[in-house]
Amino acid sequence: MNPNLWRRLLAECTGTALLVTAVVGSGIMATRLSGDVGLRLLENSVATAFALGALMLTFGPVSGAYFNPVVSAADWFLGRRTGTGLTARDLAGYVVAQVLGAIGGAVLADLMFKLPALSFAGTARTGGDLWLGEVVATTGLLLLIFALARSGRASATPAAVGAYIGAAYWFTSSTSFANPAVTIGRAFTDTFAGIAPSSVPGFIAAQLVGLTVGVGLLLALYPSAGGAAGDVTVAHPDDESVHS
């Protein structure tokens, strides 16, 4: 029997919280241990990549381990005609759970390092170059996830997504947020990984553009991608699908 919706929402909230905790916590630790900005980014990106892959393996059997409103929205949109993927009700619940989890994850990271629980970030991240970086990062993420599903290699998704995000830290100008929930969560911590609240709308707008571009490319490259929308993540061996 597939997990009930409340279990999936709990998994999405918890998984997204731990993801943001990893992003923010590793940024704080890197700042305390290293004086070089490049080394800090390396430490932050490696920790995030490994944590993301591990969290997807942990929560994938319950909720699909989306942890990202953009991925959730793409899954709903591509699967709506074939009845695969998330339903509209699932999508709404997932987005709320992911955003709440992301905020909670930032607070948790701050508390672990004896910082104020709530401190809005002061790091401005704005400009066309950074927004373009977010479009590229988000588009690439969607292409990777759904290409793996379409080719029957969804079991490789945790490792592949972790590797992609770790690499995209370095080849995109924005350091690859590629996730509206994580972007919002990172506004609640004035640390290495933070983003000023005033910069959040621009990043989210760019991510939505990436969603549009990514879905368009998927429909062009994989016309039947919608049929694989229910298989974008790792399901439990005893379940035929993690979606219900």
Protein backbone atom coordinates (compact mmCIF):
# COMPACT_ATOMS: atom_id res chain seq x y z
CA MET A 1 0.00 0.00 0.00
CA ASN A 2 1.32 3.44 -0.90
CA PRO A 3 2.06 5.89 1.90
CA ASN A 4 -0.75 8.21 2.90
CA LEU A 5 -0.53 11.86 1.97
CA TRP A 6 0.32 13.02 5.48
CA ARG A 7 3.30 10.68 5.59
CA ARG A 8 4.53 12.00 2.27
CA LEU A 9 4.13 15.60 3.40
CA LEU A 10 6.03 14.84 6.59
CA ALA A 11 8.81 13.26 4.54
CA GLU A 12 8.98 16.26 2.19
CA CYS A 13 9.04 18.70 5.10
CA THR A 14 11.67 16.77 7.04
CA GLY A 15 13.83 16.04 4.02
CA THR A 16 13.81 19.64 2.83
CA ALA A 17 14.58 20.83 6.37
CA LEU A 18 17.60 18.54 6.61
CA LEU A 19 18.76 19.60 3.14
CA VAL A 20 18.74 23.27 4.14
CA THR A 21 20.37 22.37 7.45
CA ALA A 22 23.17 20.74 5.45
CA VAL A 23 23.52 23.74 3.13
CA VAL A 24 23.52 26.33 5.90
CA GLY A 25 25.38 24.27 8.49
CA SER A 26 28.22 23.36 6.16
CA GLY A 27 28.47 27.01 5.15
CA ILE A 28 28.81 28.07 8.78
CA MET A 29 31.38 25.36 9.50
CA ALA A 30 33.34 26.26 6.37
CA THR A 31 33.43 29.90 7.45
CA ARG A 32 34.76 28.95 10.87
CA LEU A 33 37.39 26.56 9.57
CA SER A 34 38.64 28.28 6.42
CA GLY A 35 39.69 31.81 5.57
CA ASP A 36 39.67 31.41 1.78
CA VAL A 37 36.32 32.00 0.06
CA GLY A 38 37.01 29.44 -2.64
CA LEU A 39 37.79 26.77 -0.08
CA ARG A 40 34.62 27.64 1.82
CA LEU A 41 32.58 27.17 -1.33
CA LEU A 42 34.28 23.83 -2.01
CA GLU A 43 33.49 22.60 1.49
CA ASN A 44 29.92 23.85 1.25
CA SER A 45 29.31 22.28 -2.16
CA VAL A 46 30.77 18.88 -1.28
CA ALA A 47 28.73 18.63 1.93
CA THR A 48 25.56 19.67 0.11
CA ALA A 49 26.06 17.20 -2.73
CA PHE A 50 26.59 14.24 -0.42
CA ALA A 51 23.76 15.24 1.91
CA LEU A 52 21.31 15.66 -0.98
CA GLY A 53 22.04 12.20 -2.36
CA ALA A 54 21.72 10.60 1.08
CA LEU A 55 18.46 12.41 1.85
CA MET A 56 16.94 11.37 -1.46
CA LEU A 57 17.74 7.75 -0.65
CA THR A 58 16.28 8.16 2.84
CA PHE A 59 12.98 9.81 1.96
CA GLY A 60 12.49 8.65 -1.63
CA PRO A 61 10.60 5.50 -0.60
CA VAL A 62 8.02 7.63 1.24
CA SER A 63 7.42 10.82 -0.73
CA GLY A 64 9.63 10.62 -3.80
CA ALA A 65 12.13 13.03 -2.20
CA TYR A 66 11.36 16.02 -4.39
CA PHE A 67 12.42 18.67 -1.83
CA ASN A 68 11.87 21.26 -4.56
CA PRO A 69 8.68 23.02 -5.74
CA VAL A 70 10.07 23.29 -9.28
CA VAL A 71 10.59 19.55 -9.58
CA SER A 72 7.19 18.91 -8.00
CA ALA A 73 5.51 21.31 -10.44
CA ALA A 74 7.22 19.75 -13.44
CA ASP A 75 6.13 16.30 -12.29
CA TRP A 76 2.53 17.46 -11.96
CA PHE A 77 2.49 19.27 -15.30
CA LEU A 78 4.10 16.49 -17.32
CA GLY A 79 2.00 13.76 -15.75
CA ARG A 80 -1.40 15.45 -15.65
CA ARG A 81 -2.59 14.06 -19.01
CA THR A 82 -1.49 10.49 -18.38
CA GLY A 83 -2.53 10.36 -14.73
CA THR A 84 1.04 9.81 -13.53
CA GLY A 85 3.07 11.91 -11.13
CA LEU A 86 1.66 14.26 -8.51
CA THR A 87 -1.95 15.40 -8.41
CA ALA A 88 -2.83 19.08 -8.02
CA ARG A 89 -3.69 18.40 -4.38
CA ASP A 90 -0.35 16.67 -3.83
CA LEU A 91 1.48 19.56 -5.49
CA ALA A 92 -0.09 22.17 -3.23
CA GLY A 93 0.71 20.14 -0.12
CA TYR A 94 4.25 19.39 -1.24
CA VAL A 95 5.06 23.06 -1.91
CA VAL A 96 3.81 24.16 1.51
CA ALA A 97 5.67 21.32 3.23
CA GLN A 98 8.88 22.09 1.34
CA VAL A 99 8.82 25.80 2.15
CA LEU A 100 8.04 25.25 5.83
CA GLY A 101 10.74 22.60 6.01
CA ALA A 102 13.30 24.89 4.39
CA ILE A 103 12.67 27.67 6.90
CA GLY A 104 12.84 25.19 9.76
CA GLY A 105 16.11 23.80 8.42
CA ALA A 106 17.74 27.23 8.41
CA VAL A 107 16.62 27.85 11.98
CA LEU A 108 17.94 24.44 13.05
CA ALA A 109 21.35 25.08 11.51
CA ASP A 110 21.64 28.46 13.22
CA LEU A 111 20.72 26.96 16.59
CA MET A 112 23.27 24.14 16.22
CA PHE A 113 26.02 26.72 15.82
CA LYS A 114 24.79 28.98 18.65
CA LEU A 115 23.58 31.71 16.31
CA PRO A 116 20.30 33.64 16.59
CA ALA A 117 17.44 31.37 15.53
CA LEU A 118 16.00 34.00 13.20
CA SER A 119 18.32 36.41 11.47
CA PHE A 120 17.46 37.56 7.98
CA ALA A 121 20.34 37.34 5.55
CA GLY A 122 22.15 40.48 4.50
CA THR A 123 23.89 39.04 1.44
CA ALA A 124 22.43 40.63 -1.68
CA ARG A 125 22.39 38.32 -4.69
CA THR A 126 20.92 40.18 -7.63
CA GLY A 127 21.63 40.93 -11.26
CA GLY A 128 20.99 39.48 -14.68
CA ASP A 129 24.08 37.26 -14.54
CA LEU A 130 22.93 35.54 -11.34
CA TRP A 131 19.36 35.16 -12.61
CA LEU A 132 20.68 33.59 -15.82
CA GLY A 133 22.72 31.21 -13.67
CA GLU A 134 19.52 30.16 -11.90
CA VAL A 135 17.74 29.56 -15.20
CA VAL A 136 20.60 27.34 -16.36
CA ALA A 137 20.85 25.46 -13.05
CA THR A 138 17.10 24.82 -12.83
CA THR A 139 16.75 23.79 -16.47
CA GLY A 140 19.63 21.36 -16.20
CA LEU A 141 18.27 19.83 -13.02
CA LEU A 142 14.89 19.11 -14.60
CA LEU A 143 16.44 17.67 -17.75
CA LEU A 144 18.61 15.34 -15.67
CA ILE A 145 15.83 14.05 -13.42
CA PHE A 146 13.27 13.39 -16.14
CA ALA A 147 15.79 12.02 -18.62
CA LEU A 148 16.79 9.43 -16.03
CA ALA A 149 13.15 8.56 -15.42
CA ARG A 150 12.37 8.36 -19.14
CA SER A 151 15.29 6.01 -19.75
CA GLY A 152 14.45 3.75 -16.82
CA ARG A 153 17.41 4.80 -14.70
CA ALA A 154 15.55 6.46 -11.82
CA SER A 155 17.60 4.45 -9.33
CA ALA A 156 20.61 6.59 -10.28
CA THR A 157 18.78 9.83 -9.49
CA PRO A 158 20.10 10.41 -5.93
CA ALA A 159 23.74 10.10 -6.99
CA ALA A 160 23.22 11.98 -10.24
CA VAL A 161 21.32 14.88 -8.68
CA GLY A 162 23.84 15.19 -5.85
CA ALA A 163 26.67 15.26 -8.37
CA TYR A 164 24.88 17.80 -10.57
CA ILE A 165 24.14 20.22 -7.72
CA GLY A 166 27.69 19.89 -6.41
CA ALA A 167 29.07 20.70 -9.86
CA ALA A 168 26.56 23.49 -10.50
CA TYR A 169 27.83 25.31 -7.41
CA TRP A 170 30.90 25.94 -9.54
CA PHE A 171 29.73 26.33 -13.13
CA THR A 172 26.82 28.72 -12.48
CA SER A 173 27.21 32.34 -11.42
CA SER A 174 24.50 31.97 -8.77
CA THR A 175 26.03 28.86 -7.10
CA SER A 176 22.93 26.91 -8.16
CA PHE A 177 20.10 27.41 -5.71
CA ALA A 178 17.69 25.94 -8.34
CA ASN A 179 14.99 25.54 -5.69
CA PRO A 180 12.38 28.11 -4.57
CA ALA A 181 11.89 26.48 -1.15
CA VAL A 182 15.61 26.40 -0.41
CA THR A 183 15.90 29.99 -1.62
CA ILE A 184 13.24 31.11 0.84
CA GLY A 185 14.81 29.09 3.65
CA ARG A 186 18.25 30.59 3.06
CA ALA A 187 16.80 34.07 3.54
CA PHE A 188 16.31 33.22 7.22
CA THR A 189 20.01 32.89 8.05
CA ASP A 190 22.61 35.64 7.96
CA THR A 191 25.47 33.28 7.22
CA PHE A 192 27.66 32.14 4.31
CA ALA A 193 24.72 30.47 2.54
CA GLY A 194 22.24 33.29 3.14
CA ILE A 195 20.41 35.37 0.58
CA ALA A 196 18.86 38.74 1.38
CA PRO A 197 15.05 38.66 1.40
CA SER A 198 15.04 41.42 -1.22
CA SER A 199 16.94 39.10 -3.58
CA VAL A 200 14.57 36.16 -3.17
CA PRO A 201 11.88 37.25 -5.70
CA GLY A 202 14.43 37.60 -8.50
CA PHE A 203 15.86 34.16 -7.84
CA ILE A 204 12.45 32.53 -7.70
CA ALA A 205 11.37 34.25 -10.90
CA ALA A 206 14.50 32.93 -12.62
CA GLN A 207 13.81 29.43 -11.30
CA LEU A 208 10.28 29.59 -12.71
CA VAL A 209 11.75 30.59 -16.06
CA GLY A 210 14.03 27.57 -15.75
CA LEU A 211 10.96 25.45 -15.03
CA THR A 212 9.30 26.69 -18.21
CA VAL A 213 12.42 26.17 -20.34
CA GLY A 214 13.10 22.78 -18.81
CA VAL A 215 9.57 21.49 -19.38
CA GLY A 216 9.61 22.81 -22.94
CA LEU A 217 12.88 21.04 -23.71
CA LEU A 218 11.63 17.84 -22.12
CA LEU A 219 8.50 17.87 -24.27
CA ALA A 220 10.65 18.44 -27.36
CA LEU A 221 13.32 15.87 -26.54
CA TYR A 222 11.14 13.28 -24.81
CA PRO A 223 7.55 13.62 -26.13
CA SER A 224 6.43 10.78 -23.87
CA ALA A 225 8.11 12.17 -20.75
CA GLY A 226 4.73 12.54 -19.07
CA GLY A 227 4.35 8.79 -18.95
CA ALA A 228 7.42 8.56 -16.74
CA ALA A 229 6.39 11.36 -14.39
CA GLY A 230 5.47 8.87 -11.70
CA ASP A 231 8.97 7.38 -11.73
CA VAL A 232 11.19 10.43 -11.26
CA THR A 233 12.53 9.20 -7.94
CA VAL A 234 13.38 5.97 -6.18
CA ALA A 235 10.34 4.01 -5.06
CA HIS A 236 10.27 1.43 -2.28
CA PRO A 237 10.85 -2.09 -3.62
CA ASP A 238 7.46 -3.19 -2.22
CA ASP A 239 5.59 -0.31 -3.88
CA GLU A 240 4.78 -0.02 -7.54
CA SER A 241 4.74 3.77 -7.15
CA VAL A 242 5.33 6.30 -4.42
CA HIS A 243 2.46 8.41 -5.72
CA SER A 244 -1.20 7.91 -4.89
